[in-house]
Amino acid sequence: MHLDRWREIVAQIQDNFAVEEHEKFASEEADGEEVETIVFNGPLGRLKLEFISRPKVIDKKVTYSNRIGSESSVEYIYDPTEKIYQLLIYRWSESDNDWLPLENNNLFN
């Protein structure tokens, strides 16, 4: 999934369905990660799409000591220009009263 394809999907959803929510925010857990969500009523019921973009990890540095009881830490090095995109699809479950992951991710290909 690329950014241009995501924008096409959002435009189609806004044109064809009733959008309940559409928000974009920066994640506090990871550096440079942005999450855009859209909730709408579609032919499969109430759906939620999450589009996650994060910087590509170039390298991982692990700092440790061979001494007993010492701490170790992991430092990630990110590419300043290249991003990785991920699309997650959820369906609202009335019985569970929660969002459940939708197994068929070939909906928008």
Protein backbone atom coordinates (compact mmCIF):
# COMPACT_ATOMS: atom_id res chain seq x y z
CA MET A 1 0.00 0.00 0.00
CA HIS A 2 1.37 3.37 -1.04
CA LEU A 3 0.37 6.86 0.04
CA ASP A 4 -1.25 7.68 -3.32
CA ARG A 5 -3.39 4.53 -3.22
CA TRP A 6 -4.44 5.35 0.37
CA ARG A 7 -5.59 8.81 -0.71
CA GLU A 8 -7.63 7.25 -3.54
CA ILE A 9 -9.29 4.85 -1.09
CA VAL A 10 -10.15 7.67 1.34
CA ALA A 11 -11.64 9.74 -1.50
CA GLN A 12 -13.76 6.78 -2.65
CA ILE A 13 -14.97 6.13 0.89
CA GLN A 14 -15.90 9.78 1.41
CA ASP A 15 -17.79 9.85 -1.91
CA ASN A 16 -19.70 6.59 -1.46
CA PHE A 17 -20.27 6.04 2.28
CA ALA A 18 -21.22 7.91 5.44
CA VAL A 19 -17.98 8.70 7.28
CA GLU A 20 -18.29 8.71 11.08
CA GLU A 21 -14.70 9.68 11.93
CA HIS A 22 -11.60 10.71 10.04
CA GLU A 23 -8.53 11.73 12.01
CA LYS A 24 -4.78 11.85 11.66
CA PHE A 25 -2.35 11.98 14.55
CA ALA A 26 1.30 11.39 15.40
CA SER A 27 1.96 8.35 17.54
CA GLU A 28 3.67 8.99 20.85
CA GLU A 29 5.17 5.49 21.00
CA ALA A 30 7.47 5.64 17.95
CA ASP A 31 9.58 8.38 16.40
CA GLY A 32 7.97 9.88 13.32
CA GLU A 33 5.08 7.42 13.18
CA GLU A 34 1.79 8.84 11.89
CA VAL A 35 -1.58 7.10 12.07
CA GLU A 36 -4.62 8.05 9.99
CA THR A 37 -7.95 6.40 10.77
CA ILE A 38 -11.28 6.48 9.02
CA VAL A 39 -14.48 4.90 10.36
CA PHE A 40 -17.46 4.39 8.04
CA ASN A 41 -20.52 2.24 7.39
CA GLY A 42 -19.87 0.06 4.34
CA PRO A 43 -21.41 -3.00 2.72
CA LEU A 44 -19.67 -5.24 5.29
CA GLY A 45 -20.99 -3.20 8.22
CA ARG A 46 -19.09 -0.70 10.32
CA LEU A 47 -15.41 -0.66 9.28
CA LYS A 48 -12.31 1.08 10.55
CA LEU A 49 -9.20 1.54 8.42
CA GLU A 50 -5.86 2.49 9.97
CA PHE A 51 -3.07 3.69 7.70
CA ILE A 52 0.27 3.74 9.50
CA SER A 53 3.37 5.43 8.09
CA ARG A 54 6.70 5.18 9.85
CA PRO A 55 10.32 5.83 8.91
CA LYS A 56 12.25 2.84 7.56
CA VAL A 57 14.69 1.29 10.04
CA ILE A 58 18.19 1.24 8.55
CA ASP A 59 20.15 -0.17 11.44
CA LYS A 60 19.77 -1.38 14.98
CA LYS A 61 22.50 -0.86 17.59
CA VAL A 62 22.47 -2.99 20.71
CA THR A 63 24.49 -1.73 23.64
CA TYR A 64 25.28 -4.25 26.36
CA SER A 65 27.90 -5.44 28.80
CA ASN A 66 28.89 -9.02 29.65
CA ARG A 67 28.63 -8.29 33.36
CA ILE A 68 25.89 -9.92 35.37
CA GLY A 69 23.03 -7.55 36.13
CA SER A 70 24.04 -4.98 33.55
CA GLU A 71 21.46 -3.33 31.34
CA SER A 72 21.17 -3.52 27.60
CA SER A 73 19.57 -1.01 25.27
CA VAL A 74 18.53 -0.94 21.63
CA GLU A 75 18.90 2.17 19.49
CA TYR A 76 17.20 2.28 16.08
CA ILE A 77 18.57 4.36 13.22
CA TYR A 78 15.89 5.59 10.82
CA ASP A 79 16.10 6.65 7.19
CA PRO A 80 15.27 10.40 7.02
CA THR A 81 13.51 10.16 3.64
CA GLU A 82 12.08 6.66 3.14
CA LYS A 83 8.85 5.55 4.84
CA ILE A 84 7.07 2.23 5.32
CA TYR A 85 3.28 2.04 5.04
CA GLN A 86 0.83 -0.42 6.60
CA LEU A 87 -2.94 -0.74 6.27
CA LEU A 88 -4.97 -2.39 9.04
CA ILE A 89 -8.67 -3.16 8.60
CA TYR A 90 -11.09 -3.70 11.49
CA ARG A 91 -14.77 -4.62 11.65
CA TRP A 92 -17.05 -3.63 14.50
CA SER A 93 -18.40 -6.59 16.47
CA GLU A 94 -21.66 -5.93 18.30
CA SER A 95 -21.33 -9.09 20.39
CA ASP A 96 -17.80 -8.24 21.59
CA ASN A 97 -18.43 -4.49 21.57
CA ASP A 98 -14.94 -4.03 20.10
CA TRP A 99 -13.03 -3.73 16.81
CA LEU A 100 -11.92 -7.11 15.43
CA PRO A 101 -9.25 -7.45 12.71
CA LEU A 102 -10.69 -8.32 9.32
CA GLU A 103 -8.96 -11.36 7.85
CA ASN A 104 -9.45 -10.62 4.15
CA ASN A 105 -6.98 -7.80 3.40
CA ASN A 106 -7.53 -8.03 -0.38
CA LEU A 107 -10.45 -5.62 -0.29
CA PHE A 108 -8.64 -2.64 -1.82
CA ASN A 109 -6.20 -4.32 -4.24
